[in-house]
Each structure stands twice: as C-alpha cells, then as structure tokens.
Amino acid sequence: MKIFSLIALSIFMISCKAQNDKTMQTIYDYKVEDISGETFDFATLKGKKILVVNTASECGFTPQFEGLEALYQKYKDDNFVIVGFPSNDFGQQDPGSNKEIAEFCKINYGVTFPMMSKISVKGDSIAPIYQFLTQKELNGKKNSSVKWNFQKYIINEDGTLEDYFYSITKPDSKKITKWIEKK
C-alpha cells in the first residue's frame, strides 16, 4: 500500500510540474510588430539582458527617452537592449500613429533602440507580451500591473522576468545599472 501511495504521489508531482512547465514562458516565446510594421521576434535577443518599457510622447516622463537612449548607447555592446512599446493607455498621452511616434522619438531624443508598434499595456485589450510581463502564471516570477507610462521590466539573459520598476525610477538609476553590470 505504501508503494502504491508513493507511486501515486510521484505521478501527481510530475503532472503538476508538467502543468507548470506549460504555462510558464520566457520572453523568447513572443513575436510582436515593430514600429515599422515588421515582425520582431524576441528569440533574436537570446543571451541579452532586456529592459522593456511602455512609452508615451506627451507625458511628464517623456524626457526619460533621453536617459533610455543614453543607457542603450552605454551598454548595447554588453548584451543589453531596450525595447520600447508606445501606449496610449494613460491620459491619452500617445495619440499619434506609429509613424508619428517613430519620428517624434528620433527627432526629439535620437532614439535608436528598438521601438515596437503601439499597444495596450493594461485592461481587456492588454497585449500578450504585457500579459507575460504582468502575470505570474505566465512569467513564473510575480504579478504586477502597469501603473503609468515608462514603467520598466527587466528580463535576464535566459528570457525570464527578474523585476520591474515604476516610472519614477530613472533609466540611469543604480538599481538598473547595477543589474546591467551584474555578471
């Protein structure tokens, strides 16, 4: 009877692990559309640290584009990348088209890091990539919600979520630079 119980327990534990493996994902499981309308496959970033940020062109935090670009320029050759996602979810602060947003970012802040097409980062129409970033059942780390523009999510070299920072955390903060420099 004890052997049967141990076998049943083992089968149950293997089944639970298989279910968890099915739901937990990495960012490499996602493809999105970039700001030019081309497919962007996160799998192309394998082995890099990734900072994902939701952006807006008419927000009090918009000047963070300058800090994000400086951070990208400083660390882009050290297996680090920033991926921006314009969003109009907070105060209608990014009403432009993808083309207008791309021009704004380039002209005003010299943005060269990858920018994606405008998406929703919250609510019923939340994009799948942000479902991954905000739902523990998908990312295996923690639940969160995007509170405002320029919230930052950090993804480690194996494609898993490590943490996130609210908008008030500047791109050049010690929290972020220490994470990038950590080997």
C-alpha atoms as a PDB file:
ATOM      1  CA  MET A   1       0.000   0.000   0.000  1.00  0.00           C
ATOM      2  CA  LYS A   2       2.856   2.401   0.829  1.00  0.00           C
ATOM      3  CA  ILE A   3       4.486   1.689  -2.536  1.00  0.00           C
ATOM      4  CA  PHE A   4       1.209   2.442  -4.333  1.00  0.00           C
ATOM      5  CA  SER A   5       0.878   5.723  -2.389  1.00  0.00           C
ATOM      6  CA  LEU A   6       4.456   6.732  -3.262  1.00  0.00           C
ATOM      7  CA  ILE A   7       3.884   5.935  -6.937  1.00  0.00           C
ATOM      8  CA  ALA A   8       0.616   7.908  -6.961  1.00  0.00           C
ATOM      9  CA  LEU A   9       2.316  10.861  -5.233  1.00  0.00           C
ATOM     10  CA  SER A  10       5.195  10.763  -7.730  1.00  0.00           C
ATOM     11  CA  ILE A  11       2.800  10.738 -10.688  1.00  0.00           C
ATOM     12  CA  PHE A  12       0.866  13.651  -9.167  1.00  0.00           C
ATOM     13  CA  MET A  13       4.057  15.696  -8.655  1.00  0.00           C
ATOM     14  CA  ILE A  14       5.244  15.005 -12.224  1.00  0.00           C
ATOM     15  CA  SER A  15       1.802  16.026 -13.517  1.00  0.00           C
ATOM     16  CA  CYS A  16       1.909  19.292 -11.528  1.00  0.00           C
ATOM     17  CA  LYS A  17       5.387  20.061 -12.845  1.00  0.00           C
ATOM     18  CA  ALA A  18       4.241  19.402 -16.429  1.00  0.00           C
ATOM     19  CA  GLN A  19       1.289  21.773 -15.965  1.00  0.00           C
ATOM     20  CA  ASN A  20       3.575  24.486 -14.582  1.00  0.00           C
ATOM     21  CA  ASP A  21       6.004  23.985 -17.469  1.00  0.00           C
ATOM     22  CA  LYS A  22       3.157  24.525 -19.929  1.00  0.00           C
ATOM     23  CA  THR A  23       2.151  27.878 -18.505  1.00  0.00           C
ATOM     24  CA  MET A  24       5.469  29.442 -17.541  1.00  0.00           C
ATOM     25  CA  GLN A  25       7.086  31.057 -20.530  1.00  0.00           C
ATOM     26  CA  THR A  26      10.039  33.177 -21.487  1.00  0.00           C
ATOM     27  CA  ILE A  27      10.017  36.396 -23.434  1.00  0.00           C
ATOM     28  CA  TYR A  28      11.516  34.375 -26.307  1.00  0.00           C
ATOM     29  CA  ASP A  29       8.088  32.823 -26.865  1.00  0.00           C
ATOM     30  CA  TYR A  30       6.779  36.157 -28.168  1.00  0.00           C
ATOM     31  CA  LYS A  31       6.718  37.896 -31.516  1.00  0.00           C
ATOM     32  CA  VAL A  32       5.397  41.430 -31.851  1.00  0.00           C
ATOM     33  CA  GLU A  33       5.153  44.047 -34.552  1.00  0.00           C
ATOM     34  CA  ASP A  34       7.826  46.720 -34.582  1.00  0.00           C
ATOM     35  CA  ILE A  35       7.042  50.383 -35.178  1.00  0.00           C
ATOM     36  CA  SER A  36       7.630  49.918 -38.941  1.00  0.00           C
ATOM     37  CA  GLY A  37       5.147  47.039 -39.144  1.00  0.00           C
ATOM     38  CA  GLU A  38       7.752  44.264 -39.361  1.00  0.00           C
ATOM     39  CA  THR A  39       7.732  41.153 -37.170  1.00  0.00           C
ATOM     40  CA  PHE A  40      10.063  41.386 -34.183  1.00  0.00           C
ATOM     41  CA  ASP A  41      10.940  38.018 -32.641  1.00  0.00           C
ATOM     42  CA  PHE A  42      12.165  38.231 -29.049  1.00  0.00           C
ATOM     43  CA  ALA A  43      14.029  34.943 -29.656  1.00  0.00           C
ATOM     44  CA  THR A  44      16.587  37.031 -31.578  1.00  0.00           C
ATOM     45  CA  LEU A  45      17.576  38.559 -28.216  1.00  0.00           C
ATOM     46  CA  LYS A  46      18.599  35.285 -26.558  1.00  0.00           C
ATOM     47  CA  GLY A  47      21.518  35.819 -24.194  1.00  0.00           C
ATOM     48  CA  LYS A  48      20.851  39.543 -23.727  1.00  0.00           C
ATOM     49  CA  LYS A  49      19.503  41.451 -20.779  1.00  0.00           C
ATOM     50  CA  ILE A  50      16.329  43.230 -21.869  1.00  0.00           C
ATOM     51  CA  LEU A  51      14.655  46.314 -20.453  1.00  0.00           C
ATOM     52  CA  VAL A  52      11.053  46.605 -21.673  1.00  0.00           C
ATOM     53  CA  VAL A  53       9.380  49.985 -21.213  1.00  0.00           C
ATOM     54  CA  ASN A  54       5.967  51.358 -22.144  1.00  0.00           C
ATOM     55  CA  THR A  55       6.399  54.839 -23.576  1.00  0.00           C
ATOM     56  CA  ALA A  56       4.321  57.925 -24.370  1.00  0.00           C
ATOM     57  CA  SER A  57       5.194  61.050 -26.342  1.00  0.00           C
ATOM     58  CA  GLU A  58       3.191  63.576 -24.312  1.00  0.00           C
ATOM     59  CA  CYS A  59       3.864  62.529 -20.717  1.00  0.00           C
ATOM     60  CA  GLY A  60       5.723  64.205 -17.885  1.00  0.00           C
ATOM     61  CA  PHE A  61       8.100  61.220 -18.019  1.00  0.00           C
ATOM     62  CA  THR A  62       8.718  61.584 -21.791  1.00  0.00           C
ATOM     63  CA  PRO A  63      12.177  63.134 -21.180  1.00  0.00           C
ATOM     64  CA  GLN A  64      13.182  59.652 -19.957  1.00  0.00           C
ATOM     65  CA  PHE A  65      13.665  58.843 -23.657  1.00  0.00           C
ATOM     66  CA  GLU A  66      16.937  60.757 -23.360  1.00  0.00           C
ATOM     67  CA  GLY A  67      18.080  58.647 -20.403  1.00  0.00           C
ATOM     68  CA  LEU A  68      16.929  55.429 -22.051  1.00  0.00           C
ATOM     69  CA  GLU A  69      18.895  56.240 -25.209  1.00  0.00           C
ATOM     70  CA  ALA A  70      21.997  57.121 -23.164  1.00  0.00           C
ATOM     71  CA  LEU A  71      21.664  53.827 -21.254  1.00  0.00           C
ATOM     72  CA  TYR A  72      21.263  51.920 -24.511  1.00  0.00           C
ATOM     73  CA  GLN A  73      24.314  53.576 -26.069  1.00  0.00           C
ATOM     74  CA  LYS A  74      26.424  52.861 -22.983  1.00  0.00           C
ATOM     75  CA  TYR A  75      25.536  49.162 -22.679  1.00  0.00           C
ATOM     76  CA  LYS A  76      24.310  47.978 -26.101  1.00  0.00           C
ATOM     77  CA  ASP A  77      27.652  46.287 -26.792  1.00  0.00           C
ATOM     78  CA  ASP A  78      27.422  44.424 -23.464  1.00  0.00           C
ATOM     79  CA  ASN A  79      24.498  42.130 -24.365  1.00  0.00           C
ATOM     80  CA  PHE A  80      21.878  44.671 -23.324  1.00  0.00           C
ATOM     81  CA  VAL A  81      18.896  46.011 -25.228  1.00  0.00           C
ATOM     82  CA  ILE A  82      15.931  48.264 -24.553  1.00  0.00           C
ATOM     83  CA  VAL A  83      12.595  47.556 -26.214  1.00  0.00           C
ATOM     84  CA  GLY A  84      10.012  50.343 -26.193  1.00  0.00           C
ATOM     85  CA  PHE A  85       6.263  49.897 -26.510  1.00  0.00           C
ATOM     86  CA  PRO A  86       4.280  53.090 -27.154  1.00  0.00           C
ATOM     87  CA  SER A  87       0.931  53.073 -25.391  1.00  0.00           C
ATOM     88  CA  ASN A  88      -1.988  55.473 -25.224  1.00  0.00           C
ATOM     89  CA  ASP A  89      -3.444  53.852 -22.090  1.00  0.00           C
ATOM     90  CA  PHE A  90      -2.676  56.614 -19.595  1.00  0.00           C
ATOM     91  CA  GLY A  91      -4.200  60.042 -20.098  1.00  0.00           C
ATOM     92  CA  GLN A  92      -4.248  59.616 -23.890  1.00  0.00           C
ATOM     93  CA  GLN A  93      -0.595  60.712 -23.885  1.00  0.00           C
ATOM     94  CA  ASP A  94       0.468  58.955 -27.082  1.00  0.00           C
ATOM     95  CA  PRO A  95      -2.308  59.680 -29.586  1.00  0.00           C
ATOM     96  CA  GLY A  96      -0.106  59.638 -32.715  1.00  0.00           C
ATOM     97  CA  SER A  97       0.331  56.942 -35.338  1.00  0.00           C
ATOM     98  CA  ASN A  98       3.304  54.606 -35.261  1.00  0.00           C
ATOM     99  CA  LYS A  99       4.964  56.737 -37.952  1.00  0.00           C
ATOM    100  CA  GLU A 100       4.413  59.938 -35.936  1.00  0.00           C
ATOM    101  CA  ILE A 101       5.727  58.289 -32.768  1.00  0.00           C
ATOM    102  CA  ALA A 102       8.844  56.995 -34.557  1.00  0.00           C
ATOM    103  CA  GLU A 103       9.556  60.462 -35.983  1.00  0.00           C
ATOM    104  CA  PHE A 104       8.994  62.111 -32.595  1.00  0.00           C
ATOM    105  CA  CYS A 105      11.382  59.701 -30.840  1.00  0.00           C
ATOM    106  CA  LYS A 106      14.084  60.067 -33.494  1.00  0.00           C
ATOM    107  CA  ILE A 107      13.882  63.850 -33.930  1.00  0.00           C
ATOM    108  CA  ASN A 108      13.485  64.835 -30.272  1.00  0.00           C
ATOM    109  CA  TYR A 109      15.535  62.172 -28.486  1.00  0.00           C
ATOM    110  CA  GLY A 110      17.636  60.402 -31.130  1.00  0.00           C
ATOM    111  CA  VAL A 111      16.120  57.043 -30.161  1.00  0.00           C
ATOM    112  CA  THR A 112      17.921  54.126 -31.796  1.00  0.00           C
ATOM    113  CA  PHE A 113      16.801  51.283 -29.519  1.00  0.00           C
ATOM    114  CA  PRO A 114      14.043  49.054 -30.915  1.00  0.00           C
ATOM    115  CA  MET A 115      10.565  50.580 -30.751  1.00  0.00           C
ATOM    116  CA  MET A 116       7.508  48.432 -31.312  1.00  0.00           C
ATOM    117  CA  SER A 117       4.028  49.271 -32.603  1.00  0.00           C
ATOM    118  CA  LYS A 118       1.653  50.992 -30.217  1.00  0.00           C
ATOM    119  CA  ILE A 119      -0.153  48.523 -27.954  1.00  0.00           C
ATOM    120  CA  SER A 120      -2.331  48.365 -24.868  1.00  0.00           C
ATOM    121  CA  VAL A 121      -0.453  47.517 -21.666  1.00  0.00           C
ATOM    122  CA  LYS A 122      -3.496  47.117 -19.408  1.00  0.00           C
ATOM    123  CA  GLY A 123      -7.182  46.291 -19.356  1.00  0.00           C
ATOM    124  CA  ASP A 124      -9.236  43.988 -21.542  1.00  0.00           C
ATOM    125  CA  SER A 125      -7.139  44.636 -24.642  1.00  0.00           C
ATOM    126  CA  ILE A 126      -3.728  44.110 -22.968  1.00  0.00           C
ATOM    127  CA  ALA A 127      -1.203  42.808 -25.494  1.00  0.00           C
ATOM    128  CA  PRO A 128       0.080  39.239 -24.990  1.00  0.00           C
ATOM    129  CA  ILE A 129       3.631  40.475 -24.288  1.00  0.00           C
ATOM    130  CA  TYR A 130       2.300  42.548 -21.395  1.00  0.00           C
ATOM    131  CA  GLN A 131       0.203  39.634 -20.182  1.00  0.00           C
ATOM    132  CA  PHE A 132       3.526  37.780 -19.887  1.00  0.00           C
ATOM    133  CA  LEU A 133       5.192  40.686 -18.083  1.00  0.00           C
ATOM    134  CA  THR A 134       2.355  41.184 -15.594  1.00  0.00           C
ATOM    135  CA  GLN A 135       1.019  37.667 -14.869  1.00  0.00           C
ATOM    136  CA  LYS A 136       2.888  35.286 -12.584  1.00  0.00           C
ATOM    137  CA  GLU A 137       1.228  32.252 -14.166  1.00  0.00           C
ATOM    138  CA  LEU A 138       2.998  33.187 -17.422  1.00  0.00           C
ATOM    139  CA  ASN A 139       6.272  34.729 -16.212  1.00  0.00           C
ATOM    140  CA  GLY A 140       6.832  32.463 -13.193  1.00  0.00           C
ATOM    141  CA  LYS A 141       8.019  35.372 -11.039  1.00  0.00           C
ATOM    142  CA  LYS A 142       5.353  37.846  -9.982  1.00  0.00           C
ATOM    143  CA  ASN A 143       2.116  39.614 -10.722  1.00  0.00           C
ATOM    144  CA  SER A 144       2.132  43.326 -11.424  1.00  0.00           C
ATOM    145  CA  SER A 145       0.112  45.957 -13.166  1.00  0.00           C
ATOM    146  CA  VAL A 146       1.358  48.814 -15.276  1.00  0.00           C
ATOM    147  CA  LYS A 147       0.639  51.951 -13.256  1.00  0.00           C
ATOM    148  CA  TRP A 148       1.757  54.642 -15.743  1.00  0.00           C
ATOM    149  CA  ASN A 149       3.933  55.420 -18.742  1.00  0.00           C
ATOM    150  CA  PHE A 150       7.635  54.492 -18.571  1.00  0.00           C
ATOM    151  CA  GLN A 151       7.269  51.529 -16.211  1.00  0.00           C
ATOM    152  CA  LYS A 152      10.297  49.289 -16.733  1.00  0.00           C
ATOM    153  CA  TYR A 153      10.515  45.483 -16.766  1.00  0.00           C
ATOM    154  CA  ILE A 154      13.877  43.742 -16.641  1.00  0.00           C
ATOM    155  CA  ILE A 155      14.403  40.369 -18.280  1.00  0.00           C
ATOM    156  CA  ASN A 156      17.553  38.322 -17.699  1.00  0.00           C
ATOM    157  CA  GLU A 157      19.695  36.518 -20.271  1.00  0.00           C
ATOM    158  CA  ASP A 158      17.582  33.363 -20.188  1.00  0.00           C
ATOM    159  CA  GLY A 159      14.426  35.291 -21.087  1.00  0.00           C
ATOM    160  CA  THR A 160      12.756  35.264 -17.688  1.00  0.00           C
ATOM    161  CA  LEU A 161      11.354  38.224 -15.799  1.00  0.00           C
ATOM    162  CA  GLU A 162      13.520  39.432 -12.939  1.00  0.00           C
ATOM    163  CA  ASP A 163      11.745  42.533 -11.692  1.00  0.00           C
ATOM    164  CA  TYR A 164      10.073  45.798 -12.609  1.00  0.00           C
ATOM    165  CA  PHE A 165      10.380  49.452 -11.685  1.00  0.00           C
ATOM    166  CA  TYR A 166       7.759  52.172 -11.653  1.00  0.00           C
ATOM    167  CA  SER A 167       8.011  55.284 -13.801  1.00  0.00           C
ATOM    168  CA  ILE A 168       9.809  57.322 -11.161  1.00  0.00           C
ATOM    169  CA  THR A 169      12.858  55.044 -11.460  1.00  0.00           C
ATOM    170  CA  LYS A 170      15.124  56.822 -13.914  1.00  0.00           C
ATOM    171  CA  PRO A 171      16.895  54.812 -16.614  1.00  0.00           C
ATOM    172  CA  ASP A 172      20.320  55.598 -15.129  1.00  0.00           C
ATOM    173  CA  SER A 173      19.326  54.636 -11.578  1.00  0.00           C
ATOM    174  CA  LYS A 174      21.744  52.451  -9.626  1.00  0.00           C
ATOM    175  CA  LYS A 175      19.092  49.710  -9.476  1.00  0.00           C
ATOM    176  CA  ILE A 176      19.105  49.421 -13.252  1.00  0.00           C
ATOM    177  CA  THR A 177      22.809  49.995 -13.953  1.00  0.00           C
ATOM    178  CA  LYS A 178      23.866  47.501 -11.232  1.00  0.00           C
ATOM    179  CA  TRP A 179      21.535  44.926 -12.793  1.00  0.00           C
ATOM    180  CA  ILE A 180      23.003  45.505 -16.263  1.00  0.00           C
ATOM    181  CA  GLU A 181      26.587  45.313 -14.991  1.00  0.00           C
ATOM    182  CA  LYS A 182      25.970  42.192 -12.865  1.00  0.00           C
ATOM    183  CA  LYS A 183      27.626  39.178 -14.473  1.00  0.00           C
END
